[in-house]
């Protein structure tokens, strides 16, 4: 039996829509399901990003303040999630915060001080790629803070977030949950890809070695800082694309913004992917 040739540039140019392209791929014996899944993901992401634009306009018009925190182990997908959130937002009323290690001056300040100036202004969404929660997990695991500093943080952070809540700041806290095997796979991918090697740091190398230590401090963080006014939402991220879509859905589901009823896609997150923290939760990391 003669094997059909692969797709050519002319094939792509001749396809008038997604349905024709999928039929062409199937006819050419290409990896149909994989391509179909990617096209469906791209379309779903586009529809959700349209809703994010609506949400941002509503936040801006109503002077709301929204802080979205992304935490998780290294390679869990924090940066990739944030990029999909921000891709089509107005940069004048959305902002990314990814702070470097504190300076000598900042080390002498109250721990939260350098984060306070980064909090959202009226009408603004701020995305934190890691946050003050560095002190809850990474710093004690790696020995970057003292035991006393760690204990003081756990006492102070609920009060700090309660003050934000009482002043009208909406706080959304995501923990991106990844398995140990998947983390190792992504680390190897970073080392092999010259465009991603910059992402692999000495701290990353310790992620696998100190896995159980990270788990201990993560559980302590949840136990001490999960509150009714600032809850932790856990997202399973072994499938990065699914995680991105469901994270966006969770944020959209929290607001009654204008024209929400006109959405052409589902806006409630999958409870098997996004879940509120409970002590009895079984999560993958």
C-alpha atoms as a PDB file:
ATOM      1  CA  UNK A   1       0.000   0.000   0.000  1.00  0.00           C
ATOM      2  CA  UNK A   2       1.380   3.398  -0.975  1.00  0.00           C
ATOM      3  CA  UNK A   3       2.079   5.775   1.909  1.00  0.00           C
ATOM      4  CA  UNK A   4       0.677   9.254   1.405  1.00  0.00           C
ATOM      5  CA  UNK A   5       3.132  12.123   1.380  1.00  0.00           C
ATOM      6  CA  UNK A   6       3.286  14.607   4.231  1.00  0.00           C
ATOM      7  CA  UNK A   7       1.728  18.048   4.247  1.00  0.00           C
ATOM      8  CA  UNK A   8       3.171  20.780   2.062  1.00  0.00           C
ATOM      9  CA  UNK A   9       2.944  24.570   2.198  1.00  0.00           C
ATOM     10  CA  UNK A  10       0.418  24.419  -0.643  1.00  0.00           C
ATOM     11  CA  UNK A  11      -1.784  22.123   1.457  1.00  0.00           C
ATOM     12  CA  UNK A  12      -1.913  24.657   4.286  1.00  0.00           C
ATOM     13  CA  UNK A  13      -2.603  27.528   1.905  1.00  0.00           C
ATOM     14  CA  UNK A  14      -5.445  25.617   0.295  1.00  0.00           C
ATOM     15  CA  UNK A  15      -7.255  24.898   3.577  1.00  0.00           C
ATOM     16  CA  UNK A  16      -9.978  27.524   4.026  1.00  0.00           C
ATOM     17  CA  UNK A  17     -10.778  26.813   7.681  1.00  0.00           C
ATOM     18  CA  UNK A  18      -9.888  24.625  10.654  1.00  0.00           C
ATOM     19  CA  UNK A  19     -12.281  21.850   9.595  1.00  0.00           C
ATOM     20  CA  UNK A  20     -10.681  21.566   6.153  1.00  0.00           C
ATOM     21  CA  UNK A  21      -7.212  21.562   7.695  1.00  0.00           C
ATOM     22  CA  UNK A  22      -8.126  18.767  10.115  1.00  0.00           C
ATOM     23  CA  UNK A  23      -9.622  16.704   7.298  1.00  0.00           C
ATOM     24  CA  UNK A  24      -6.459  17.234   5.257  1.00  0.00           C
ATOM     25  CA  UNK A  25      -4.248  16.149   8.144  1.00  0.00           C
ATOM     26  CA  UNK A  26      -6.302  12.987   8.644  1.00  0.00           C
ATOM     27  CA  UNK A  27      -6.115  12.222   4.933  1.00  0.00           C
ATOM     28  CA  UNK A  28      -2.341  12.645   4.915  1.00  0.00           C
ATOM     29  CA  UNK A  29      -1.859  10.192   7.806  1.00  0.00           C
ATOM     30  CA  UNK A  30      -0.399  12.881  10.065  1.00  0.00           C
ATOM     31  CA  UNK A  31      -0.695  12.846  13.860  1.00  0.00           C
ATOM     32  CA  UNK A  32      -4.295  13.959  13.662  1.00  0.00           C
ATOM     33  CA  UNK A  33      -5.243  13.885  17.338  1.00  0.00           C
ATOM     34  CA  UNK A  34      -2.189  15.853  18.429  1.00  0.00           C
ATOM     35  CA  UNK A  35      -2.741  18.588  15.865  1.00  0.00           C
ATOM     36  CA  UNK A  36      -6.468  18.687  16.584  1.00  0.00           C
ATOM     37  CA  UNK A  37      -5.797  19.090  20.316  1.00  0.00           C
ATOM     38  CA  UNK A  38      -3.384  21.969  19.665  1.00  0.00           C
ATOM     39  CA  UNK A  39      -5.844  23.768  17.390  1.00  0.00           C
ATOM     40  CA  UNK A  40      -8.639  23.324  19.924  1.00  0.00           C
ATOM     41  CA  UNK A  41      -6.396  24.641  22.696  1.00  0.00           C
ATOM     42  CA  UNK A  42      -5.467  27.720  20.653  1.00  0.00           C
ATOM     43  CA  UNK A  43      -9.114  28.467  19.910  1.00  0.00           C
ATOM     44  CA  UNK A  44     -10.170  27.966  23.534  1.00  0.00           C
ATOM     45  CA  UNK A  45      -7.331  30.198  24.708  1.00  0.00           C
ATOM     46  CA  UNK A  46      -8.415  32.898  22.242  1.00  0.00           C
ATOM     47  CA  UNK A  47     -11.995  32.831  23.543  1.00  0.00           C
ATOM     48  CA  UNK A  48     -10.845  33.041  27.161  1.00  0.00           C
ATOM     49  CA  UNK A  49      -8.445  35.879  26.372  1.00  0.00           C
ATOM     50  CA  UNK A  50     -11.359  37.809  24.870  1.00  0.00           C
ATOM     51  CA  UNK A  51     -13.079  37.441  28.241  1.00  0.00           C
ATOM     52  CA  UNK A  52      -9.922  38.639  30.019  1.00  0.00           C
ATOM     53  CA  UNK A  53      -9.991  41.805  27.917  1.00  0.00           C
ATOM     54  CA  UNK A  54     -13.613  42.368  28.992  1.00  0.00           C
ATOM     55  CA  UNK A  55     -12.667  41.735  32.615  1.00  0.00           C
ATOM     56  CA  UNK A  56      -9.767  44.170  32.462  1.00  0.00           C
ATOM     57  CA  UNK A  57     -12.006  46.881  31.016  1.00  0.00           C
ATOM     58  CA  UNK A  58     -14.509  46.327  33.847  1.00  0.00           C
ATOM     59  CA  UNK A  59     -11.745  46.432  36.481  1.00  0.00           C
ATOM     60  CA  UNK A  60     -10.405  49.661  34.985  1.00  0.00           C
ATOM     61  CA  UNK A  61     -13.824  51.313  34.723  1.00  0.00           C
ATOM     62  CA  UNK A  62     -14.717  50.396  38.304  1.00  0.00           C
ATOM     63  CA  UNK A  63     -11.326  51.162  39.896  1.00  0.00           C
ATOM     64  CA  UNK A  64     -10.957  47.628  41.220  1.00  0.00           C
ATOM     65  CA  UNK A  65      -7.571  46.384  42.434  1.00  0.00           C
ATOM     66  CA  UNK A  66      -6.600  42.785  41.692  1.00  0.00           C
ATOM     67  CA  UNK A  67      -3.429  40.950  42.747  1.00  0.00           C
ATOM     68  CA  UNK A  68      -2.892  37.476  41.260  1.00  0.00           C
ATOM     69  CA  UNK A  69      -0.109  35.445  42.873  1.00  0.00           C
ATOM     70  CA  UNK A  70       1.546  32.484  41.156  1.00  0.00           C
ATOM     71  CA  UNK A  71       3.529  30.177  43.408  1.00  0.00           C
ATOM     72  CA  UNK A  72       4.786  26.630  42.957  1.00  0.00           C
ATOM     73  CA  UNK A  73       7.868  24.514  42.576  1.00  0.00           C
ATOM     74  CA  UNK A  74      10.430  25.368  39.910  1.00  0.00           C
ATOM     75  CA  UNK A  75       9.260  24.489  36.373  1.00  0.00           C
ATOM     76  CA  UNK A  76       5.611  24.270  37.459  1.00  0.00           C
ATOM     77  CA  UNK A  77       4.626  26.775  34.756  1.00  0.00           C
ATOM     78  CA  UNK A  78       4.276  30.115  36.549  1.00  0.00           C
ATOM     79  CA  UNK A  79       5.755  32.218  33.748  1.00  0.00           C
ATOM     80  CA  UNK A  80       3.856  30.403  31.001  1.00  0.00           C
ATOM     81  CA  UNK A  81       0.555  30.904  32.799  1.00  0.00           C
ATOM     82  CA  UNK A  82       1.197  34.599  33.334  1.00  0.00           C
ATOM     83  CA  UNK A  83       2.153  35.129  29.680  1.00  0.00           C
ATOM     84  CA  UNK A  84      -1.178  33.688  28.523  1.00  0.00           C
ATOM     85  CA  UNK A  85      -3.037  35.910  30.965  1.00  0.00           C
ATOM     86  CA  UNK A  86      -1.244  39.080  29.881  1.00  0.00           C
ATOM     87  CA  UNK A  87      -0.802  38.436  26.158  1.00  0.00           C
ATOM     88  CA  UNK A  88      -3.647  40.705  25.001  1.00  0.00           C
ATOM     89  CA  UNK A  89      -4.211  42.894  28.064  1.00  0.00           C
ATOM     90  CA  UNK A  90      -3.699  46.649  28.007  1.00  0.00           C
ATOM     91  CA  UNK A  91      -0.202  47.198  29.468  1.00  0.00           C
ATOM     92  CA  UNK A  92      -1.297  50.531  30.938  1.00  0.00           C
ATOM     93  CA  UNK A  93      -3.504  48.767  33.486  1.00  0.00           C
ATOM     94  CA  UNK A  94      -1.769  45.408  33.928  1.00  0.00           C
ATOM     95  CA  UNK A  95       1.671  44.701  35.298  1.00  0.00           C
ATOM     96  CA  UNK A  96       4.077  41.836  36.008  1.00  0.00           C
ATOM     97  CA  UNK A  97       6.067  41.756  39.250  1.00  0.00           C
ATOM     98  CA  UNK A  98       9.029  39.362  39.395  1.00  0.00           C
ATOM     99  CA  UNK A  99      11.440  40.764  41.965  1.00  0.00           C
ATOM    100  CA  UNK A 100      15.109  39.866  42.192  1.00  0.00           C
ATOM    101  CA  UNK A 101      16.679  38.877  45.497  1.00  0.00           C
ATOM    102  CA  UNK A 102      16.555  41.753  48.024  1.00  0.00           C
ATOM    103  CA  UNK A 103      19.290  44.375  48.083  1.00  0.00           C
ATOM    104  CA  UNK A 104      21.302  45.078  51.225  1.00  0.00           C
ATOM    105  CA  UNK A 105      18.992  48.014  51.985  1.00  0.00           C
ATOM    106  CA  UNK A 106      15.880  45.872  51.488  1.00  0.00           C
ATOM    107  CA  UNK A 107      17.285  43.190  53.770  1.00  0.00           C
ATOM    108  CA  UNK A 108      17.182  45.743  56.590  1.00  0.00           C
ATOM    109  CA  UNK A 109      13.561  46.712  55.912  1.00  0.00           C
ATOM    110  CA  UNK A 110      10.335  45.123  57.077  1.00  0.00           C
ATOM    111  CA  UNK A 111      10.021  42.016  54.909  1.00  0.00           C
ATOM    112  CA  UNK A 112       6.765  43.103  53.218  1.00  0.00           C
ATOM    113  CA  UNK A 113       7.965  46.635  52.483  1.00  0.00           C
ATOM    114  CA  UNK A 114       9.324  46.017  48.995  1.00  0.00           C
ATOM    115  CA  UNK A 115       6.104  44.267  47.991  1.00  0.00           C
ATOM    116  CA  UNK A 116       3.782  47.014  49.234  1.00  0.00           C
ATOM    117  CA  UNK A 117       4.863  49.445  46.519  1.00  0.00           C
ATOM    118  CA  UNK A 118       4.071  46.770  43.907  1.00  0.00           C
ATOM    119  CA  UNK A 119       0.437  46.301  44.966  1.00  0.00           C
ATOM    120  CA  UNK A 120      -2.215  47.210  42.364  1.00  0.00           C
ATOM    121  CA  UNK A 121      -3.385  50.767  41.884  1.00  0.00           C
ATOM    122  CA  UNK A 122      -7.084  51.507  41.250  1.00  0.00           C
ATOM    123  CA  UNK A 123      -8.136  49.931  37.949  1.00  0.00           C
ATOM    124  CA  UNK A 124      -5.078  47.686  37.749  1.00  0.00           C
ATOM    125  CA  UNK A 125      -4.305  43.951  37.656  1.00  0.00           C
ATOM    126  CA  UNK A 126      -0.892  42.918  38.973  1.00  0.00           C
ATOM    127  CA  UNK A 127       0.564  39.459  38.341  1.00  0.00           C
ATOM    128  CA  UNK A 128       3.165  38.221  40.829  1.00  0.00           C
ATOM    129  CA  UNK A 129       5.634  35.654  39.472  1.00  0.00           C
ATOM    130  CA  UNK A 130       6.507  34.534  42.991  1.00  0.00           C
ATOM    131  CA  UNK A 131       5.708  36.904  45.829  1.00  0.00           C
ATOM    132  CA  UNK A 132       6.147  37.446  49.555  1.00  0.00           C
ATOM    133  CA  UNK A 133       5.580  33.685  49.802  1.00  0.00           C
ATOM    134  CA  UNK A 134       9.246  33.167  48.939  1.00  0.00           C
ATOM    135  CA  UNK A 135       9.714  33.318  52.697  1.00  0.00           C
ATOM    136  CA  UNK A 136       7.213  30.510  53.246  1.00  0.00           C
ATOM    137  CA  UNK A 137       8.896  27.856  51.094  1.00  0.00           C
ATOM    138  CA  UNK A 138      12.012  28.677  49.044  1.00  0.00           C
ATOM    139  CA  UNK A 139      13.843  30.693  51.697  1.00  0.00           C
ATOM    140  CA  UNK A 140      13.570  28.190  54.575  1.00  0.00           C
ATOM    141  CA  UNK A 141      14.274  25.247  52.248  1.00  0.00           C
ATOM    142  CA  UNK A 142      17.442  26.870  50.906  1.00  0.00           C
ATOM    143  CA  UNK A 143      18.530  28.479  54.178  1.00  0.00           C
ATOM    144  CA  UNK A 144      17.988  32.050  52.926  1.00  0.00           C
ATOM    145  CA  UNK A 145      16.208  33.142  56.118  1.00  0.00           C
ATOM    146  CA  UNK A 146      16.498  32.388  59.811  1.00  0.00           C
ATOM    147  CA  UNK A 147      14.014  30.251  61.700  1.00  0.00           C
ATOM    148  CA  UNK A 148      12.861  33.356  63.592  1.00  0.00           C
ATOM    149  CA  UNK A 149      12.255  35.274  60.350  1.00  0.00           C
ATOM    150  CA  UNK A 150      10.270  32.333  58.993  1.00  0.00           C
ATOM    151  CA  UNK A 151       8.078  32.089  62.097  1.00  0.00           C
ATOM    152  CA  UNK A 152       7.449  35.852  62.137  1.00  0.00           C
ATOM    153  CA  UNK A 153       6.378  35.712  58.503  1.00  0.00           C
ATOM    154  CA  UNK A 154       3.774  33.017  59.144  1.00  0.00           C
ATOM    155  CA  UNK A 155       2.308  35.101  61.968  1.00  0.00           C
ATOM    156  CA  UNK A 156       2.288  38.363  60.012  1.00  0.00           C
ATOM    157  CA  UNK A 157       1.143  37.303  56.545  1.00  0.00           C
ATOM    158  CA  UNK A 158      -2.534  36.608  57.407  1.00  0.00           C
ATOM    159  CA  UNK A 159      -2.765  40.065  59.004  1.00  0.00           C
ATOM    160  CA  UNK A 160      -0.991  41.665  56.045  1.00  0.00           C
ATOM    161  CA  UNK A 161      -3.416  40.067  53.595  1.00  0.00           C
ATOM    162  CA  UNK A 162      -6.405  40.871  55.795  1.00  0.00           C
ATOM    163  CA  UNK A 163      -5.480  44.567  55.679  1.00  0.00           C
ATOM    164  CA  UNK A 164      -5.325  44.343  51.887  1.00  0.00           C
ATOM    165  CA  UNK A 165      -8.696  42.579  51.799  1.00  0.00           C
ATOM    166  CA  UNK A 166     -10.343  45.149  54.084  1.00  0.00           C
ATOM    167  CA  UNK A 167      -9.025  47.941  51.879  1.00  0.00           C
ATOM    168  CA  UNK A 168     -10.657  46.370  48.819  1.00  0.00           C
ATOM    169  CA  UNK A 169      -7.764  44.536  47.147  1.00  0.00           C
ATOM    170  CA  UNK A 170      -8.838  41.241  45.560  1.00  0.00           C
ATOM    171  CA  UNK A 171      -6.160  38.610  46.259  1.00  0.00           C
ATOM    172  CA  UNK A 172      -6.033  35.447  44.137  1.00  0.00           C
ATOM    173  CA  UNK A 173      -3.399  32.903  45.193  1.00  0.00           C
ATOM    174  CA  UNK A 174      -2.466  30.021  42.892  1.00  0.00           C
ATOM    175  CA  UNK A 175      -0.215  27.108  43.802  1.00  0.00           C
ATOM    176  CA  UNK A 176       0.840  25.320  40.608  1.00  0.00           C
ATOM    177  CA  UNK A 177       1.186  21.641  41.465  1.00  0.00           C
ATOM    178  CA  UNK A 178       3.615  19.460  39.498  1.00  0.00           C
ATOM    179  CA  UNK A 179       4.803  15.873  39.985  1.00  0.00           C
ATOM    180  CA  UNK A 180       8.440  15.044  40.694  1.00  0.00           C
ATOM    181  CA  UNK A 181       8.821  13.114  37.433  1.00  0.00           C
ATOM    182  CA  UNK A 182       7.334  15.936  35.375  1.00  0.00           C
ATOM    183  CA  UNK A 183       9.592  18.494  37.055  1.00  0.00           C
ATOM    184  CA  UNK A 184      12.656  16.407  36.177  1.00  0.00           C
ATOM    185  CA  UNK A 185      11.452  16.107  32.582  1.00  0.00           C
ATOM    186  CA  UNK A 186      11.100  19.885  32.305  1.00  0.00           C
ATOM    187  CA  UNK A 187      14.508  20.473  33.893  1.00  0.00           C
ATOM    188  CA  UNK A 188      16.084  18.209  31.279  1.00  0.00           C
ATOM    189  CA  UNK A 189      14.228  20.077  28.558  1.00  0.00           C
ATOM    190  CA  UNK A 190      15.580  23.388  29.811  1.00  0.00           C
ATOM    191  CA  UNK A 191      19.150  22.142  29.836  1.00  0.00           C
ATOM    192  CA  UNK A 192      18.856  20.778  26.293  1.00  0.00           C
ATOM    193  CA  UNK A 193      17.174  23.856  24.807  1.00  0.00           C
ATOM    194  CA  UNK A 194      19.611  26.776  24.307  1.00  0.00           C
ATOM    195  CA  UNK A 195      16.676  29.210  24.386  1.00  0.00           C
ATOM    196  CA  UNK A 196      15.604  27.993  27.833  1.00  0.00           C
ATOM    197  CA  UNK A 197      18.925  27.363  29.573  1.00  0.00           C
ATOM    198  CA  UNK A 198      18.681  30.722  31.325  1.00  0.00           C
ATOM    199  CA  UNK A 199      15.691  29.332  33.241  1.00  0.00           C
ATOM    200  CA  UNK A 200      17.799  26.630  34.882  1.00  0.00           C
ATOM    201  CA  UNK A 201      19.489  27.929  38.039  1.00  0.00           C
ATOM    202  CA  UNK A 202      21.474  26.471  40.957  1.00  0.00           C
ATOM    203  CA  UNK A 203      18.275  26.631  43.031  1.00  0.00           C
ATOM    204  CA  UNK A 204      16.507  24.517  40.392  1.00  0.00           C
ATOM    205  CA  UNK A 205      19.157  21.812  40.777  1.00  0.00           C
ATOM    206  CA  UNK A 206      18.115  21.425  44.401  1.00  0.00           C
ATOM    207  CA  UNK A 207      14.431  21.041  43.529  1.00  0.00           C
ATOM    208  CA  UNK A 208      14.656  17.287  43.058  1.00  0.00           C
ATOM    209  CA  UNK A 209      17.155  16.665  45.854  1.00  0.00           C
ATOM    210  CA  UNK A 210      15.129  18.651  48.403  1.00  0.00           C
ATOM    211  CA  UNK A 211      11.710  17.555  47.135  1.00  0.00           C
ATOM    212  CA  UNK A 212      10.454  16.305  50.512  1.00  0.00           C
ATOM    213  CA  UNK A 213      11.700  19.419  52.288  1.00  0.00           C
ATOM    214  CA  UNK A 214       9.783  21.593  49.816  1.00  0.00           C
ATOM    215  CA  UNK A 215       6.706  19.447  50.477  1.00  0.00           C
ATOM    216  CA  UNK A 216       6.976  19.994  54.236  1.00  0.00           C
ATOM    217  CA  UNK A 217       7.184  23.781  53.971  1.00  0.00           C
ATOM    218  CA  UNK A 218       4.467  23.911  51.329  1.00  0.00           C
ATOM    219  CA  UNK A 219       2.081  22.095  53.673  1.00  0.00           C
ATOM    220  CA  UNK A 220       2.981  24.417  56.537  1.00  0.00           C
ATOM    221  CA  UNK A 221       2.322  27.412  54.289  1.00  0.00           C
ATOM    222  CA  UNK A 222      -1.131  26.142  53.340  1.00  0.00           C
ATOM    223  CA  UNK A 223      -1.984  25.357  56.944  1.00  0.00           C
ATOM    224  CA  UNK A 224      -0.960  28.786  58.265  1.00  0.00           C
ATOM    225  CA  UNK A 225      -1.915  31.129  55.395  1.00  0.00           C
ATOM    226  CA  UNK A 226      -5.084  29.690  53.832  1.00  0.00           C
ATOM    227  CA  UNK A 227      -7.951  31.958  54.938  1.00  0.00           C
ATOM    228  CA  UNK A 228     -11.528  32.693  53.891  1.00  0.00           C
ATOM    229  CA  UNK A 229     -10.508  36.128  52.581  1.00  0.00           C
ATOM    230  CA  UNK A 230      -7.298  34.910  50.901  1.00  0.00           C
ATOM    231  CA  UNK A 231      -7.632  31.199  50.039  1.00  0.00           C
ATOM    232  CA  UNK A 232      -5.128  29.036  48.213  1.00  0.00           C
ATOM    233  CA  UNK A 233      -6.217  27.530  44.898  1.00  0.00           C
ATOM    234  CA  UNK A 234      -4.223  24.516  43.718  1.00  0.00           C
ATOM    235  CA  UNK A 235      -3.862  23.811  39.993  1.00  0.00           C
ATOM    236  CA  UNK A 236      -2.582  20.533  38.588  1.00  0.00           C
ATOM    237  CA  UNK A 237      -0.012  21.521  35.971  1.00  0.00           C
ATOM    238  CA  UNK A 238       1.433  18.299  34.574  1.00  0.00           C
ATOM    239  CA  UNK A 239      -0.567  19.229  31.466  1.00  0.00           C
ATOM    240  CA  UNK A 240       0.568  22.823  30.964  1.00  0.00           C
ATOM    241  CA  UNK A 241      -2.050  23.769  28.396  1.00  0.00           C
ATOM    242  CA  UNK A 242      -4.965  22.515  30.459  1.00  0.00           C
ATOM    243  CA  UNK A 243      -3.580  24.315  33.517  1.00  0.00           C
ATOM    244  CA  UNK A 244      -3.386  27.622  31.633  1.00  0.00           C
ATOM    245  CA  UNK A 245      -6.986  27.423  30.456  1.00  0.00           C
ATOM    246  CA  UNK A 246      -8.339  26.432  33.861  1.00  0.00           C
ATOM    247  CA  UNK A 247      -6.396  29.145  35.709  1.00  0.00           C
ATOM    248  CA  UNK A 248      -7.927  31.772  33.424  1.00  0.00           C
ATOM    249  CA  UNK A 249     -11.371  30.255  33.930  1.00  0.00           C
ATOM    250  CA  UNK A 250     -10.997  30.451  37.699  1.00  0.00           C
ATOM    251  CA  UNK A 251     -10.166  34.160  37.596  1.00  0.00           C
ATOM    252  CA  UNK A 252     -13.026  34.912  35.196  1.00  0.00           C
ATOM    253  CA  UNK A 253     -15.464  32.977  37.394  1.00  0.00           C
ATOM    254  CA  UNK A 254     -14.746  35.303  40.335  1.00  0.00           C
ATOM    255  CA  UNK A 255     -16.103  38.496  38.757  1.00  0.00           C
ATOM    256  CA  UNK A 256     -19.458  39.656  37.352  1.00  0.00           C
ATOM    257  CA  UNK A 257     -17.977  41.818  34.612  1.00  0.00           C
ATOM    258  CA  UNK A 258     -19.872  43.472  31.760  1.00  0.00           C
ATOM    259  CA  UNK A 259     -20.879  41.276  28.786  1.00  0.00           C
ATOM    260  CA  UNK A 260     -19.919  38.107  30.630  1.00  0.00           C
ATOM    261  CA  UNK A 261     -23.198  36.540  29.541  1.00  0.00           C
ATOM    262  CA  UNK A 262     -22.075  36.834  25.896  1.00  0.00           C
ATOM    263  CA  UNK A 263     -19.134  34.477  26.393  1.00  0.00           C
ATOM    264  CA  UNK A 264     -18.764  31.761  23.761  1.00  0.00           C
ATOM    265  CA  UNK A 265     -16.984  29.318  26.066  1.00  0.00           C
ATOM    266  CA  UNK A 266     -17.206  27.755  29.523  1.00  0.00           C
ATOM    267  CA  UNK A 267     -16.084  30.111  32.291  1.00  0.00           C
ATOM    268  CA  UNK A 268     -16.211  27.788  35.306  1.00  0.00           C
ATOM    269  CA  UNK A 269     -12.986  25.854  35.977  1.00  0.00           C
ATOM    270  CA  UNK A 270     -12.719  22.078  35.997  1.00  0.00           C
ATOM    271  CA  UNK A 271     -12.815  21.031  39.695  1.00  0.00           C
ATOM    272  CA  UNK A 272     -10.525  18.106  38.864  1.00  0.00           C
ATOM    273  CA  UNK A 273      -7.804  20.574  37.830  1.00  0.00           C
ATOM    274  CA  UNK A 274      -8.439  23.633  40.027  1.00  0.00           C
ATOM    275  CA  UNK A 275      -9.296  23.021  43.654  1.00  0.00           C
ATOM    276  CA  UNK A 276      -9.477  25.001  46.850  1.00  0.00           C
ATOM    277  CA  UNK A 277      -7.043  23.898  49.538  1.00  0.00           C
ATOM    278  CA  UNK A 278      -8.382  21.503  52.150  1.00  0.00           C
ATOM    279  CA  UNK A 279      -6.325  19.488  54.607  1.00  0.00           C
ATOM    280  CA  UNK A 280      -7.718  16.286  53.117  1.00  0.00           C
ATOM    281  CA  UNK A 281      -6.769  17.220  49.544  1.00  0.00           C
ATOM    282  CA  UNK A 282      -4.633  14.731  47.648  1.00  0.00           C
ATOM    283  CA  UNK A 283      -2.471  16.723  45.262  1.00  0.00           C
ATOM    284  CA  UNK A 284       0.310  15.613  42.964  1.00  0.00           C
ATOM    285  CA  UNK A 285       3.263  17.351  44.618  1.00  0.00           C
END
